[in-house]
Amino acid sequence: MPDGAGGGGVKVLCALSNNALEVWEVGVEKGAEAVLGAALYQPGHRSDVRAVALSNDDTAVAACAGGELKVWNLQSGHCFRSLASGYGVCCAFVPGDKYIVVGTKQGQLQLVDVAAAEMVGNFDAHEGSVWALAMRPDGKGFVTAGADKEVKFWEYGAEKTESGATQLTLSVAKAVTMEDDVLAVSFSPDGKFLALALLDTTVKVFQAETMKFFLSLYGHRLPVLCLDISTDSTLLVTGSADKNVKVWGLDFGDCHKSMFAHQDNVMAVKFVPRTHYFFSGGKDKIIKMWDADKFVQITTIRAHYSEVWCMAISKSGDLLVSGSQHRS
């Protein structure tokens, strides 16, 4: 566009591959250098959105993309917090919504103060990537699972800062070693069971308090990448790299139904609260809704232009948030 200042130059608006906008001022004189006049970097994500989490009051959503954590207001759609972090692959709001826990590809847990928009804790959690994180239903802690075959139970604590203020801290209460890498983890809403998806294609279900073995679910030909448990703690749904979703009973561990769901890896599954409906998202760019009682597909959502990496659903069940490779 022409420069309105009468300087004989032009202004060029550039849309960059990292989702940013820049305005460059270019003079028409021979040998003139381009000058960056303005830039818009903050609102959008710079890379793939690998993890999303809704606040406990369903008013905000946290999203991890590359080395950034952004927190968005759901009502306005505005990003009100943005800060550098590790390469986040899982995240969750701590009860009370004052803090966010981020699990990184480097094996760290990062604790973020939302109001202050700063990282207040950085903990060495696993020797490999922290692939999954699940909050305890009673709100007293959470579990992480990683590429080092370990499942760790974390508890909340409090410590004094140099200024005398009290802030949240984390500590490991218990660690359990599995036979293989753990790719996904989920508590049953009644708090009785903990389900773990292992790299060996099986899903192991344990009693949450004692970690006593309860069920082993076999059937997928390739590793299970995601899982979720219904609100009434009777059904478990798994999504796998074999493109199928399976519905299991948590009473005897029987497979109720196996359904060919996507044309590529199934990356995320989420039950709608207080129902047996669930959503699945895959690398085929599609989100689908299913009925886990009638074993039928209800609808297809084509909202993304690239792979769907993650999903989160509100406690009321009327809002679904999804993250994709195309930075949205």
C-alpha atoms as a PDB file:
ATOM      1  CA  MET A   1       0.000   0.000   0.000  1.00  0.00           C
ATOM      2  CA  PRO A   2       1.302   3.537  -0.733  1.00  0.00           C
ATOM      3  CA  ASP A   3       2.889   5.502   2.084  1.00  0.00           C
ATOM      4  CA  GLY A   4       0.487   8.299   2.991  1.00  0.00           C
ATOM      5  CA  ALA A   5       3.239  10.395   4.583  1.00  0.00           C
ATOM      6  CA  GLY A   6       4.430  11.580   1.195  1.00  0.00           C
ATOM      7  CA  GLY A   7       7.820   9.961   1.549  1.00  0.00           C
ATOM      8  CA  GLY A   8       7.564   8.144  -1.760  1.00  0.00           C
ATOM      9  CA  GLY A   9       7.737   4.727  -0.155  1.00  0.00           C
ATOM     10  CA  VAL A  10       5.393   1.799   0.203  1.00  0.00           C
ATOM     11  CA  LYS A  11       4.214  -0.282   3.154  1.00  0.00           C
ATOM     12  CA  VAL A  12       4.037  -4.054   2.740  1.00  0.00           C
ATOM     13  CA  LEU A  13       1.812  -6.173   4.992  1.00  0.00           C
ATOM     14  CA  CYS A  14       3.294  -9.673   5.429  1.00  0.00           C
ATOM     15  CA  ALA A  15       1.512 -12.735   6.820  1.00  0.00           C
ATOM     16  CA  LEU A  16       4.247 -15.017   8.176  1.00  0.00           C
ATOM     17  CA  SER A  17       4.312 -18.791   8.484  1.00  0.00           C
ATOM     18  CA  ASN A  18       4.482 -18.508  12.289  1.00  0.00           C
ATOM     19  CA  ASN A  19       1.011 -16.906  12.380  1.00  0.00           C
ATOM     20  CA  ALA A  20       2.307 -13.348  12.858  1.00  0.00           C
ATOM     21  CA  LEU A  21       1.688 -10.130  10.905  1.00  0.00           C
ATOM     22  CA  GLU A  22       4.374  -7.567  10.052  1.00  0.00           C
ATOM     23  CA  VAL A  23       4.260  -4.218   8.239  1.00  0.00           C
ATOM     24  CA  TRP A  24       7.486  -3.266   6.457  1.00  0.00           C
ATOM     25  CA  GLU A  25       8.227   0.223   5.118  1.00  0.00           C
ATOM     26  CA  VAL A  26      10.198   0.183   1.882  1.00  0.00           C
ATOM     27  CA  GLY A  27      11.653   3.294   0.289  1.00  0.00           C
ATOM     28  CA  VAL A  28      11.687   3.704  -3.485  1.00  0.00           C
ATOM     29  CA  GLU A  29      15.183   5.166  -3.584  1.00  0.00           C
ATOM     30  CA  LYS A  30      17.918   2.922  -4.904  1.00  0.00           C
ATOM     31  CA  GLY A  31      19.631   1.033  -2.085  1.00  0.00           C
ATOM     32  CA  ALA A  32      16.986   1.950   0.507  1.00  0.00           C
ATOM     33  CA  GLU A  33      16.599  -0.614   3.292  1.00  0.00           C
ATOM     34  CA  ALA A  34      13.288  -2.030   4.446  1.00  0.00           C
ATOM     35  CA  VAL A  35      12.278  -0.990   7.961  1.00  0.00           C
ATOM     36  CA  LEU A  36       9.904  -2.907  10.235  1.00  0.00           C
ATOM     37  CA  GLY A  37       7.113  -0.457  11.004  1.00  0.00           C
ATOM     38  CA  ALA A  38       4.700  -2.569  13.041  1.00  0.00           C
ATOM     39  CA  ALA A  39       4.120  -6.166  14.050  1.00  0.00           C
ATOM     40  CA  LEU A  40       1.369  -8.274  15.578  1.00  0.00           C
ATOM     41  CA  TYR A  41       2.735 -11.309  17.408  1.00  0.00           C
ATOM     42  CA  GLN A  42       0.750 -11.895  20.553  1.00  0.00           C
ATOM     43  CA  PRO A  43      -2.820 -13.169  19.944  1.00  0.00           C
ATOM     44  CA  GLY A  44      -2.280 -16.281  17.824  1.00  0.00           C
ATOM     45  CA  HIS A  45      -0.213 -19.414  18.344  1.00  0.00           C
ATOM     46  CA  ARG A  46       3.144 -19.747  16.623  1.00  0.00           C
ATOM     47  CA  SER A  47       3.075 -23.536  16.169  1.00  0.00           C
ATOM     48  CA  ASP A  48       0.962 -26.697  16.632  1.00  0.00           C
ATOM     49  CA  VAL A  49      -1.469 -26.626  19.558  1.00  0.00           C
ATOM     50  CA  ARG A  50      -0.505 -29.829  21.365  1.00  0.00           C
ATOM     51  CA  ALA A  51      -2.573 -29.540  24.556  1.00  0.00           C
ATOM     52  CA  VAL A  52      -5.692 -27.707  25.733  1.00  0.00           C
ATOM     53  CA  ALA A  53      -7.365 -27.560  29.151  1.00  0.00           C
ATOM     54  CA  LEU A  54     -10.499 -25.830  30.396  1.00  0.00           C
ATOM     55  CA  SER A  55     -10.616 -24.033  33.743  1.00  0.00           C
ATOM     56  CA  ASN A  56     -12.768 -25.595  36.437  1.00  0.00           C
ATOM     57  CA  ASP A  57     -15.372 -22.828  36.052  1.00  0.00           C
ATOM     58  CA  ASP A  58     -15.344 -23.190  32.222  1.00  0.00           C
ATOM     59  CA  THR A  59     -14.470 -19.515  31.673  1.00  0.00           C
ATOM     60  CA  ALA A  60     -10.923 -19.893  30.318  1.00  0.00           C
ATOM     61  CA  VAL A  61      -8.888 -22.291  28.221  1.00  0.00           C
ATOM     62  CA  ALA A  62      -5.143 -22.900  28.406  1.00  0.00           C
ATOM     63  CA  ALA A  63      -3.303 -23.981  25.265  1.00  0.00           C
ATOM     64  CA  CYS A  64       0.273 -25.201  24.794  1.00  0.00           C
ATOM     65  CA  ALA A  65       1.918 -24.606  21.425  1.00  0.00           C
ATOM     66  CA  GLY A  66       5.638 -25.077  20.908  1.00  0.00           C
ATOM     67  CA  GLY A  67       7.399 -23.105  23.628  1.00  0.00           C
ATOM     68  CA  GLU A  68       4.420 -20.958  24.586  1.00  0.00           C
ATOM     69  CA  LEU A  69       1.478 -21.175  26.969  1.00  0.00           C
ATOM     70  CA  LYS A  70      -1.516 -18.979  26.232  1.00  0.00           C
ATOM     71  CA  VAL A  71      -4.669 -18.519  28.297  1.00  0.00           C
ATOM     72  CA  TRP A  72      -7.836 -17.412  26.503  1.00  0.00           C
ATOM     73  CA  ASN A  73     -11.087 -15.934  27.758  1.00  0.00           C
ATOM     74  CA  LEU A  74     -13.839 -18.125  26.340  1.00  0.00           C
ATOM     75  CA  GLN A  75     -16.528 -15.455  26.327  1.00  0.00           C
ATOM     76  CA  SER A  76     -14.549 -12.766  24.521  1.00  0.00           C
ATOM     77  CA  GLY A  77     -12.134 -15.013  22.643  1.00  0.00           C
ATOM     78  CA  HIS A  78      -9.211 -12.813  23.726  1.00  0.00           C
ATOM     79  CA  CYS A  79      -5.812 -14.067  24.857  1.00  0.00           C
ATOM     80  CA  PHE A  80      -5.196 -12.483  28.285  1.00  0.00           C
ATOM     81  CA  ARG A  81      -2.033 -14.352  29.308  1.00  0.00           C
ATOM     82  CA  SER A  82       0.931 -15.411  27.195  1.00  0.00           C
ATOM     83  CA  LEU A  83       4.309 -16.614  28.426  1.00  0.00           C
ATOM     84  CA  ALA A  84       7.259 -18.730  27.388  1.00  0.00           C
ATOM     85  CA  SER A  85       7.364 -22.328  28.589  1.00  0.00           C
ATOM     86  CA  GLY A  86       8.866 -25.651  27.639  1.00  0.00           C
ATOM     87  CA  TYR A  87       7.442 -27.649  24.737  1.00  0.00           C
ATOM     88  CA  GLY A  88       4.093 -28.468  26.396  1.00  0.00           C
ATOM     89  CA  VAL A  89       2.383 -31.754  25.499  1.00  0.00           C
ATOM     90  CA  CYS A  90      -0.168 -31.813  28.346  1.00  0.00           C
ATOM     91  CA  CYS A  91      -1.621 -29.267  30.758  1.00  0.00           C
ATOM     92  CA  ALA A  92      -4.348 -28.771  33.361  1.00  0.00           C
ATOM     93  CA  PHE A  93      -5.751 -26.132  35.675  1.00  0.00           C
ATOM     94  CA  VAL A  94      -5.125 -26.694  39.372  1.00  0.00           C
ATOM     95  CA  PRO A  95      -8.366 -26.602  41.451  1.00  0.00           C
ATOM     96  CA  GLY A  96      -9.162 -22.953  42.109  1.00  0.00           C
ATOM     97  CA  ASP A  97      -7.895 -21.967  38.635  1.00  0.00           C
ATOM     98  CA  LYS A  98      -5.083 -19.801  40.036  1.00  0.00           C
ATOM     99  CA  TYR A  99      -2.361 -22.074  38.645  1.00  0.00           C
ATOM    100  CA  ILE A 100      -1.758 -24.191  35.543  1.00  0.00           C
ATOM    101  CA  VAL A 101       0.448 -27.286  35.423  1.00  0.00           C
ATOM    102  CA  VAL A 102       2.259 -27.957  32.134  1.00  0.00           C
ATOM    103  CA  GLY A 103       3.998 -31.237  31.257  1.00  0.00           C
ATOM    104  CA  THR A 104       6.788 -30.818  28.722  1.00  0.00           C
ATOM    105  CA  LYS A 105       8.534 -32.892  26.109  1.00  0.00           C
ATOM    106  CA  GLN A 106      11.771 -32.329  28.036  1.00  0.00           C
ATOM    107  CA  GLY A 107      10.385 -34.225  31.057  1.00  0.00           C
ATOM    108  CA  GLN A 108       9.623 -31.246  33.272  1.00  0.00           C
ATOM    109  CA  LEU A 109       6.523 -30.070  35.127  1.00  0.00           C
ATOM    110  CA  GLN A 110       6.077 -26.316  35.040  1.00  0.00           C
ATOM    111  CA  LEU A 111       3.793 -24.484  37.458  1.00  0.00           C
ATOM    112  CA  VAL A 112       2.353 -21.215  36.160  1.00  0.00           C
ATOM    113  CA  ASP A 113       0.680 -18.460  38.199  1.00  0.00           C
ATOM    114  CA  VAL A 114      -2.168 -17.264  35.957  1.00  0.00           C
ATOM    115  CA  ALA A 115      -2.751 -13.881  37.614  1.00  0.00           C
ATOM    116  CA  ALA A 116       0.944 -12.939  37.645  1.00  0.00           C
ATOM    117  CA  ALA A 117       1.614 -14.522  34.223  1.00  0.00           C
ATOM    118  CA  GLU A 118       4.849 -16.044  35.452  1.00  0.00           C
ATOM    119  CA  MET A 119       6.349 -19.463  36.012  1.00  0.00           C
ATOM    120  CA  VAL A 120       6.664 -20.106  39.750  1.00  0.00           C
ATOM    121  CA  GLY A 121       7.965 -23.667  39.649  1.00  0.00           C
ATOM    122  CA  ASN A 122       9.981 -25.941  37.388  1.00  0.00           C
ATOM    123  CA  PHE A 123      10.218 -29.576  38.513  1.00  0.00           C
ATOM    124  CA  ASP A 124      12.156 -32.489  37.024  1.00  0.00           C
ATOM    125  CA  ALA A 125       9.303 -34.980  36.667  1.00  0.00           C
ATOM    126  CA  HIS A 126      10.380 -37.702  34.218  1.00  0.00           C
ATOM    127  CA  GLU A 127      13.534 -38.737  32.393  1.00  0.00           C
ATOM    128  CA  GLY A 128      11.568 -38.709  29.130  1.00  0.00           C
ATOM    129  CA  SER A 129       8.604 -36.731  27.842  1.00  0.00           C
ATOM    130  CA  VAL A 130       5.647 -36.147  30.164  1.00  0.00           C
ATOM    131  CA  TRP A 131       3.053 -37.651  27.844  1.00  0.00           C
ATOM    132  CA  ALA A 132      -0.013 -37.410  30.059  1.00  0.00           C
ATOM    133  CA  LEU A 133      -1.412 -35.667  33.108  1.00  0.00           C
ATOM    134  CA  ALA A 134      -4.665 -36.367  34.980  1.00  0.00           C
ATOM    135  CA  MET A 135      -6.161 -34.518  37.943  1.00  0.00           C
ATOM    136  CA  ARG A 136      -7.474 -36.547  40.876  1.00  0.00           C
ATOM    137  CA  PRO A 137     -11.269 -36.322  41.202  1.00  0.00           C
ATOM    138  CA  ASP A 138     -10.938 -35.318  44.872  1.00  0.00           C
ATOM    139  CA  GLY A 139      -8.761 -32.327  43.907  1.00  0.00           C
ATOM    140  CA  LYS A 140      -5.893 -33.337  46.210  1.00  0.00           C
ATOM    141  CA  GLY A 141      -3.288 -33.860  43.503  1.00  0.00           C
ATOM    142  CA  PHE A 142      -2.652 -35.334  40.082  1.00  0.00           C
ATOM    143  CA  VAL A 143      -0.822 -38.068  38.223  1.00  0.00           C
ATOM    144  CA  THR A 144       1.764 -37.795  35.449  1.00  0.00           C
ATOM    145  CA  ALA A 145       2.948 -40.490  33.070  1.00  0.00           C
ATOM    146  CA  GLY A 146       6.023 -40.430  30.900  1.00  0.00           C
ATOM    147  CA  ALA A 147       8.389 -42.029  28.445  1.00  0.00           C
ATOM    148  CA  ASP A 148      10.510 -43.339  31.337  1.00  0.00           C
ATOM    149  CA  LYS A 149       7.797 -45.964  32.121  1.00  0.00           C
ATOM    150  CA  GLU A 150       6.989 -44.254  35.418  1.00  0.00           C
ATOM    151  CA  VAL A 151       3.653 -43.087  36.808  1.00  0.00           C
ATOM    152  CA  LYS A 152       4.032 -40.419  39.503  1.00  0.00           C
ATOM    153  CA  PHE A 153       1.484 -39.212  42.040  1.00  0.00           C
ATOM    154  CA  TRP A 154       1.906 -35.530  42.919  1.00  0.00           C
ATOM    155  CA  GLU A 155       0.639 -33.611  45.924  1.00  0.00           C
ATOM    156  CA  TYR A 156       0.150 -29.887  46.487  1.00  0.00           C
ATOM    157  CA  GLY A 157       2.030 -27.961  49.128  1.00  0.00           C
ATOM    158  CA  ALA A 158       2.753 -24.359  50.133  1.00  0.00           C
ATOM    159  CA  GLU A 159       5.995 -22.469  50.546  1.00  0.00           C
ATOM    160  CA  LYS A 160       7.051 -18.947  51.446  1.00  0.00           C
ATOM    161  CA  THR A 161       8.661 -16.763  48.803  1.00  0.00           C
ATOM    162  CA  GLU A 162      11.433 -14.231  49.469  1.00  0.00           C
ATOM    163  CA  SER A 163       8.785 -11.507  49.711  1.00  0.00           C
ATOM    164  CA  GLY A 164       6.925 -13.455  52.401  1.00  0.00           C
ATOM    165  CA  ALA A 165       4.009 -14.447  50.182  1.00  0.00           C
ATOM    166  CA  THR A 166       2.711 -18.009  50.076  1.00  0.00           C
ATOM    167  CA  GLN A 167       2.724 -19.867  46.789  1.00  0.00           C
ATOM    168  CA  LEU A 168       1.872 -23.349  45.579  1.00  0.00           C
ATOM    169  CA  THR A 169       4.507 -26.048  45.222  1.00  0.00           C
ATOM    170  CA  LEU A 170       4.496 -29.692  44.111  1.00  0.00           C
ATOM    171  CA  SER A 171       6.018 -32.873  45.517  1.00  0.00           C
ATOM    172  CA  VAL A 172       6.014 -36.550  44.522  1.00  0.00           C
ATOM    173  CA  ALA A 173       4.017 -38.722  46.922  1.00  0.00           C
ATOM    174  CA  LYS A 174       4.493 -42.030  45.104  1.00  0.00           C
ATOM    175  CA  ALA A 175       6.044 -43.423  41.917  1.00  0.00           C
ATOM    176  CA  VAL A 176       5.181 -46.683  40.169  1.00  0.00           C
ATOM    177  CA  THR A 177       7.141 -48.250  37.302  1.00  0.00           C
ATOM    178  CA  MET A 178       5.227 -49.856  34.423  1.00  0.00           C
ATOM    179  CA  GLU A 179       6.390 -52.445  31.870  1.00  0.00           C
ATOM    180  CA  ASP A 180       6.473 -49.905  29.021  1.00  0.00           C
ATOM    181  CA  ASP A 181       6.103 -46.202  28.187  1.00  0.00           C
ATOM    182  CA  VAL A 182       2.782 -44.740  29.360  1.00  0.00           C
ATOM    183  CA  LEU A 183       1.042 -42.679  26.661  1.00  0.00           C
ATOM    184  CA  ALA A 184      -2.264 -41.742  28.307  1.00  0.00           C
ATOM    185  CA  VAL A 185      -3.806 -41.736  31.773  1.00  0.00           C
ATOM    186  CA  SER A 186      -7.281 -41.150  33.214  1.00  0.00           C
ATOM    187  CA  PHE A 187      -8.994 -41.398  36.601  1.00  0.00           C
ATOM    188  CA  SER A 188     -12.511 -42.738  36.861  1.00  0.00           C
ATOM    189  CA  PRO A 189     -14.743 -39.880  38.086  1.00  0.00           C
ATOM    190  CA  ASP A 190     -15.639 -41.845  41.241  1.00  0.00           C
ATOM    191  CA  GLY A 191     -11.909 -41.941  42.093  1.00  0.00           C
ATOM    192  CA  LYS A 192     -11.734 -45.737  42.348  1.00  0.00           C
ATOM    193  CA  PHE A 193      -9.710 -46.576  39.235  1.00  0.00           C
ATOM    194  CA  LEU A 194      -6.725 -45.311  37.268  1.00  0.00           C
ATOM    195  CA  ALA A 195      -6.452 -46.358  33.609  1.00  0.00           C
ATOM    196  CA  LEU A 196      -3.073 -46.325  31.831  1.00  0.00           C
ATOM    197  CA  ALA A 197      -2.414 -46.772  28.101  1.00  0.00           C
ATOM    198  CA  LEU A 198       0.949 -48.466  27.474  1.00  0.00           C
ATOM    199  CA  LEU A 199       3.151 -48.518  24.403  1.00  0.00           C
ATOM    200  CA  ASP A 200       2.661 -52.315  24.164  1.00  0.00           C
ATOM    201  CA  THR A 201      -0.946 -51.637  22.896  1.00  0.00           C
ATOM    202  CA  THR A 202      -2.636 -52.645  26.177  1.00  0.00           C
ATOM    203  CA  VAL A 203      -4.597 -50.604  28.699  1.00  0.00           C
ATOM    204  CA  LYS A 204      -4.040 -51.437  32.360  1.00  0.00           C
ATOM    205  CA  VAL A 205      -6.625 -50.494  35.005  1.00  0.00           C
ATOM    206  CA  PHE A 206      -5.527 -50.204  38.648  1.00  0.00           C
ATOM    207  CA  GLN A 207      -7.231 -49.385  41.918  1.00  0.00           C
ATOM    208  CA  ALA A 208      -6.293 -45.730  42.278  1.00  0.00           C
ATOM    209  CA  GLU A 209      -5.392 -45.641  45.975  1.00  0.00           C
ATOM    210  CA  THR A 210      -3.320 -48.821  46.214  1.00  0.00           C
ATOM    211  CA  MET A 211      -2.284 -49.292  42.555  1.00  0.00           C
ATOM    212  CA  LYS A 212      -3.452 -52.889  42.876  1.00  0.00           C
ATOM    213  CA  PHE A 213      -3.959 -54.425  39.418  1.00  0.00           C
ATOM    214  CA  PHE A 214      -7.610 -54.717  38.376  1.00  0.00           C
ATOM    215  CA  LEU A 215      -8.010 -55.186  34.589  1.00  0.00           C
ATOM    216  CA  SER A 216      -5.955 -55.531  31.414  1.00  0.00           C
ATOM    217  CA  LEU A 217      -7.654 -54.532  28.159  1.00  0.00           C
ATOM    218  CA  TYR A 218      -6.359 -56.170  24.981  1.00  0.00           C
ATOM    219  CA  GLY A 219      -7.581 -55.646  21.442  1.00  0.00           C
ATOM    220  CA  HIS A 220      -5.860 -52.745  19.694  1.00  0.00           C
ATOM    221  CA  ARG A 221      -3.267 -53.652  17.068  1.00  0.00           C
ATOM    222  CA  LEU A 222      -1.243 -50.456  17.630  1.00  0.00           C
ATOM    223  CA  PRO A 223      -0.637 -48.317  20.749  1.00  0.00           C
ATOM    224  CA  VAL A 224      -3.540 -46.569  22.441  1.00  0.00           C
ATOM    225  CA  LEU A 225      -2.918 -42.816  22.217  1.00  0.00           C
ATOM    226  CA  CYS A 226      -5.878 -41.526  24.241  1.00  0.00           C
ATOM    227  CA  LEU A 227      -8.587 -42.704  26.611  1.00  0.00           C
ATOM    228  CA  ASP A 228     -11.422 -41.390  28.765  1.00  0.00           C
ATOM    229  CA  ILE A 229     -13.919 -42.722  31.317  1.00  0.00           C
ATOM    230  CA  SER A 230     -17.624 -41.858  31.471  1.00  0.00           C
ATOM    231  CA  THR A 231     -19.046 -39.805  34.354  1.00  0.00           C
ATOM    232  CA  ASP A 232     -20.785 -42.845  35.876  1.00  0.00           C
ATOM    233  CA  SER A 233     -17.456 -44.756  35.794  1.00  0.00           C
ATOM    234  CA  THR A 234     -18.965 -47.688  33.872  1.00  0.00           C
ATOM    235  CA  LEU A 235     -17.488 -47.193  30.378  1.00  0.00           C
ATOM    236  CA  LEU A 236     -13.973 -46.565  29.095  1.00  0.00           C
ATOM    237  CA  VAL A 237     -13.281 -45.438  25.528  1.00  0.00           C
ATOM    238  CA  THR A 238      -9.881 -45.782  23.844  1.00  0.00           C
ATOM    239  CA  GLY A 239      -8.476 -44.294  20.646  1.00  0.00           C
ATOM    240  CA  SER A 240      -5.509 -45.857  18.896  1.00  0.00           C
ATOM    241  CA  ALA A 241      -2.951 -45.504  16.132  1.00  0.00           C
ATOM    242  CA  ASP A 242      -4.823 -48.391  14.446  1.00  0.00           C
ATOM    243  CA  LYS A 243      -7.570 -45.797  13.576  1.00  0.00           C
ATOM    244  CA  ASN A 244     -10.169 -47.523  15.776  1.00  0.00           C
ATOM    245  CA  VAL A 245     -12.051 -46.519  18.894  1.00  0.00           C
ATOM    246  CA  LYS A 246     -13.134 -49.202  21.335  1.00  0.00           C
ATOM    247  CA  VAL A 247     -15.756 -49.047  24.075  1.00  0.00           C
ATOM    248  CA  TRP A 248     -14.994 -51.158  27.167  1.00  0.00           C
ATOM    249  CA  GLY A 249     -16.938 -52.052  30.290  1.00  0.00           C
ATOM    250  CA  LEU A 250     -15.136 -51.222  33.513  1.00  0.00           C
ATOM    251  CA  ASP A 251     -16.866 -53.977  35.469  1.00  0.00           C
ATOM    252  CA  PHE A 252     -15.334 -56.977  33.658  1.00  0.00           C
ATOM    253  CA  GLY A 253     -13.057 -55.330  31.076  1.00  0.00           C
ATOM    254  CA  ASP A 254     -15.027 -56.672  28.121  1.00  0.00           C
ATOM    255  CA  CYS A 255     -14.943 -54.851  24.774  1.00  0.00           C
ATOM    256  CA  HIS A 256     -18.499 -53.713  24.028  1.00  0.00           C
ATOM    257  CA  LYS A 257     -17.690 -52.520  20.521  1.00  0.00           C
ATOM    258  CA  SER A 258     -14.808 -51.725  18.202  1.00  0.00           C
ATOM    259  CA  MET A 259     -15.468 -49.057  15.574  1.00  0.00           C
ATOM    260  CA  PHE A 260     -13.343 -47.878  12.663  1.00  0.00           C
ATOM    261  CA  ALA A 261     -13.370 -44.173  13.492  1.00  0.00           C
ATOM    262  CA  HIS A 262     -10.808 -42.230  11.448  1.00  0.00           C
ATOM    263  CA  GLN A 263      -8.602 -42.475   8.389  1.00  0.00           C
ATOM    264  CA  ASP A 264      -5.493 -41.869  10.522  1.00  0.00           C
ATOM    265  CA  ASN A 265      -4.368 -42.010  14.170  1.00  0.00           C
ATOM    266  CA  VAL A 266      -7.032 -41.267  16.778  1.00  0.00           C
ATOM    267  CA  MET A 267      -5.389 -38.565  18.903  1.00  0.00           C
ATOM    268  CA  ALA A 268      -8.108 -37.594  21.410  1.00  0.00           C
ATOM    269  CA  VAL A 269     -11.326 -38.969  22.906  1.00  0.00           C
ATOM    270  CA  LYS A 270     -13.620 -37.233  25.419  1.00  0.00           C
ATOM    271  CA  PHE A 271     -16.902 -38.281  27.006  1.00  0.00           C
ATOM    272  CA  VAL A 272     -19.697 -35.716  27.274  1.00  0.00           C
ATOM    273  CA  PRO A 273     -20.347 -35.353  31.054  1.00  0.00           C
ATOM    274  CA  ARG A 274     -23.327 -37.289  32.451  1.00  0.00           C
ATOM    275  CA  THR A 275     -23.910 -39.087  29.149  1.00  0.00           C
ATOM    276  CA  HIS A 276     -22.490 -41.997  27.149  1.00  0.00           C
ATOM    277  CA  TYR A 277     -21.841 -39.758  24.145  1.00  0.00           C
ATOM    278  CA  PHE A 278     -18.203 -39.106  23.277  1.00  0.00           C
ATOM    279  CA  PHE A 279     -16.083 -37.178  20.781  1.00  0.00           C
ATOM    280  CA  SER A 280     -13.049 -38.446  18.887  1.00  0.00           C
ATOM    281  CA  GLY A 281     -10.449 -36.407  17.010  1.00  0.00           C
ATOM    282  CA  GLY A 282      -7.869 -37.710  14.571  1.00  0.00           C
ATOM    283  CA  LYS A 283      -4.987 -36.913  12.300  1.00  0.00           C
ATOM    284  CA  ASP A 284      -7.478 -37.021   9.416  1.00  0.00           C
ATOM    285  CA  LYS A 285      -8.525 -33.456  10.471  1.00  0.00           C
ATOM    286  CA  ILE A 286     -11.991 -34.606  11.570  1.00  0.00           C
ATOM    287  CA  ILE A 287     -13.865 -34.632  14.895  1.00  0.00           C
ATOM    288  CA  LYS A 288     -16.695 -37.142  15.298  1.00  0.00           C
ATOM    289  CA  MET A 289     -19.405 -37.613  17.912  1.00  0.00           C
ATOM    290  CA  TRP A 290     -20.499 -41.124  18.912  1.00  0.00           C
ATOM    291  CA  ASP A 291     -23.114 -42.918  21.020  1.00  0.00           C
ATOM    292  CA  ALA A 292     -21.327 -45.479  23.226  1.00  0.00           C
ATOM    293  CA  ASP A 293     -24.572 -47.334  24.004  1.00  0.00           C
ATOM    294  CA  LYS A 294     -25.927 -47.718  20.460  1.00  0.00           C
ATOM    295  CA  PHE A 295     -22.428 -47.766  18.870  1.00  0.00           C
ATOM    296  CA  VAL A 296     -23.381 -45.312  16.116  1.00  0.00           C
ATOM    297  CA  GLN A 297     -21.828 -42.116  14.826  1.00  0.00           C
ATOM    298  CA  ILE A 298     -23.970 -39.066  15.568  1.00  0.00           C
ATOM    299  CA  THR A 299     -22.242 -36.298  13.633  1.00  0.00           C
ATOM    300  CA  THR A 300     -19.027 -35.187  11.923  1.00  0.00           C
ATOM    301  CA  ILE A 301     -17.312 -31.854  12.572  1.00  0.00           C
ATOM    302  CA  ARG A 302     -14.953 -30.540   9.901  1.00  0.00           C
ATOM    303  CA  ALA A 303     -13.545 -27.512  11.710  1.00  0.00           C
ATOM    304  CA  HIS A 304      -9.787 -27.962  11.164  1.00  0.00           C
ATOM    305  CA  TYR A 305      -7.533 -27.908   8.122  1.00  0.00           C
ATOM    306  CA  SER A 306      -4.875 -30.148   9.641  1.00  0.00           C
ATOM    307  CA  GLU A 307      -4.368 -32.864  12.252  1.00  0.00           C
ATOM    308  CA  VAL A 308      -6.434 -32.659  15.455  1.00  0.00           C
ATOM    309  CA  TRP A 309      -4.044 -33.111  18.393  1.00  0.00           C
ATOM    310  CA  CYS A 310      -6.145 -32.565  21.509  1.00  0.00           C
ATOM    311  CA  MET A 311      -9.604 -31.852  22.920  1.00  0.00           C
ATOM    312  CA  ALA A 312     -11.241 -30.676  26.145  1.00  0.00           C
ATOM    313  CA  ILE A 313     -14.916 -30.539  27.069  1.00  0.00           C
ATOM    314  CA  SER A 314     -16.709 -28.313  29.567  1.00  0.00           C
ATOM    315  CA  LYS A 315     -18.284 -29.685  32.730  1.00  0.00           C
ATOM    316  CA  SER A 316     -21.725 -28.709  31.435  1.00  0.00           C
ATOM    317  CA  GLY A 317     -21.049 -30.643  28.239  1.00  0.00           C
ATOM    318  CA  ASP A 318     -22.125 -27.816  25.942  1.00  0.00           C
ATOM    319  CA  LEU A 319     -18.638 -26.694  24.849  1.00  0.00           C
ATOM    320  CA  LEU A 320     -15.863 -28.609  23.075  1.00  0.00           C
ATOM    321  CA  VAL A 321     -12.379 -27.142  22.629  1.00  0.00           C
ATOM    322  CA  SER A 322      -9.969 -28.674  20.129  1.00  0.00           C
ATOM    323  CA  GLY A 323      -6.355 -27.968  19.168  1.00  0.00           C
ATOM    324  CA  SER A 324      -4.774 -28.632  15.792  1.00  0.00           C
ATOM    325  CA  GLN A 325      -1.554 -28.660  13.828  1.00  0.00           C
ATOM    326  CA  HIS A 326      -2.620 -25.513  11.978  1.00  0.00           C
ATOM    327  CA  ARG A 327      -2.008 -23.392  15.096  1.00  0.00           C
ATOM    328  CA  SER A 328      -5.614 -22.964  16.211  1.00  0.00           C
END
